[in-house]
Protein backbone atom coordinates (compact mmCIF):
# COMPACT_ATOMS: atom_id res chain seq x y z
CA MET A 1 9.36 -1.10 27.48
CA PRO A 2 10.18 -1.99 23.79
CA ARG A 3 8.96 0.44 21.13
CA LYS A 4 5.93 -0.57 18.90
CA LYS A 5 7.27 -1.14 15.56
CA SER A 6 6.00 1.37 13.08
CA PRO A 7 4.17 0.37 9.87
CA PRO A 8 6.44 0.25 6.73
CA ASP A 9 5.90 3.14 4.36
CA PHE A 10 3.20 2.50 1.97
CA GLU A 11 5.11 3.87 -0.94
CA LYS A 12 8.33 2.03 -0.38
CA THR A 13 6.45 -1.19 0.15
CA LEU A 14 4.66 -0.86 -2.83
CA ALA A 15 8.14 -0.07 -4.83
CA GLU A 16 9.79 -2.94 -3.21
CA LEU A 17 6.71 -5.27 -4.63
CA GLU A 18 6.99 -3.76 -8.01
CA ALA A 19 10.63 -4.24 -8.39
CA LEU A 20 10.03 -7.92 -7.08
CA VAL A 21 7.42 -8.73 -9.73
CA GLU A 22 9.49 -6.99 -12.49
CA LYS A 23 12.26 -9.26 -11.44
CA MET A 24 10.29 -12.65 -11.19
CA GLU A 25 8.56 -11.65 -14.75
CA GLN A 26 12.31 -11.94 -16.35
CA GLY A 27 12.20 -15.60 -15.44
CA ASP A 28 15.87 -15.69 -14.60
CA MET A 29 15.42 -17.33 -10.94
CA SER A 30 15.72 -20.76 -9.63
CA LEU A 31 12.49 -22.54 -8.40
CA GLU A 32 13.99 -21.84 -4.98
CA GLU A 33 14.34 -17.96 -5.43
CA SER A 34 11.15 -17.71 -6.96
CA LEU A 35 9.37 -19.41 -4.33
CA LYS A 36 11.35 -17.07 -1.54
CA SER A 37 10.35 -13.77 -3.79
CA PHE A 38 6.67 -15.09 -4.09
CA GLU A 39 6.49 -15.25 -0.22
CA ARG A 40 7.89 -12.01 -0.03
CA GLY A 41 5.40 -10.86 -2.34
CA ILE A 42 2.64 -12.13 -0.60
CA GLN A 43 3.98 -10.40 2.59
CA LEU A 44 4.33 -7.03 0.74
CA THR A 45 0.95 -7.15 -0.75
CA ARG A 46 -0.80 -8.06 2.48
CA SER A 47 1.32 -4.92 4.20
CA CYS A 48 -0.03 -2.67 1.36
CA GLN A 49 -3.62 -3.75 1.83
CA GLN A 50 -3.40 -3.16 5.46
CA ALA A 51 -1.95 0.42 4.86
CA LEU A 52 -5.02 1.09 2.31
CA GLN A 53 -7.51 -0.14 4.74
CA ALA A 54 -6.17 1.83 7.66
CA ALA A 55 -6.32 4.95 5.39
CA GLU A 56 -10.01 3.98 4.35
CA GLN A 57 -10.93 3.74 7.84
CA LYS A 58 -9.27 6.95 8.89
CA VAL A 59 -10.96 9.10 5.75
CA GLU A 60 -14.36 7.37 6.85
CA GLN A 61 -13.87 8.30 10.36
CA LEU A 62 -13.08 11.85 9.14
CA LEU A 63 -16.09 12.00 7.24
CA GLU A 64 -18.27 10.63 10.18
CA ASP A 65 -17.05 13.37 12.48
CA HIS A 66 -17.07 16.38 10.25
CA GLY A 67 -19.68 15.21 7.62
CA GLU A 68 -19.33 15.17 3.80
CA PRO A 69 -17.33 17.56 2.24
CA GLU A 70 -19.05 19.80 -0.23
CA ALA A 71 -18.09 20.44 -3.80
CA PHE A 72 -16.01 23.54 -4.69
CA ASP A 73 -17.07 25.98 -7.26
CA ASN A 74 -14.52 26.62 -9.75
CA PRO A 75 -15.20 30.47 -10.93
CA ASP A 76 -12.78 29.83 -13.93
CA ALA A 77 -14.50 26.97 -15.01
CA GLY A 78 -17.17 27.06 -17.71
């Protein structure tokens, strides 16, 4: 049975996307390279969005299961 592909690491994906954008902004790419990079950027953006949505759903589920967190009193503040 094939193993399920694990989701890419959010921070690595975001770093790759940022590097790609920086490279594209330099303007030294051919049209074909730019199109390939743009396509890869769309894939990376979607991956990041999915990871953020999954994290948001997890937080919402935790809050639903355990209630809203209470604010902590900071005795050193004031």
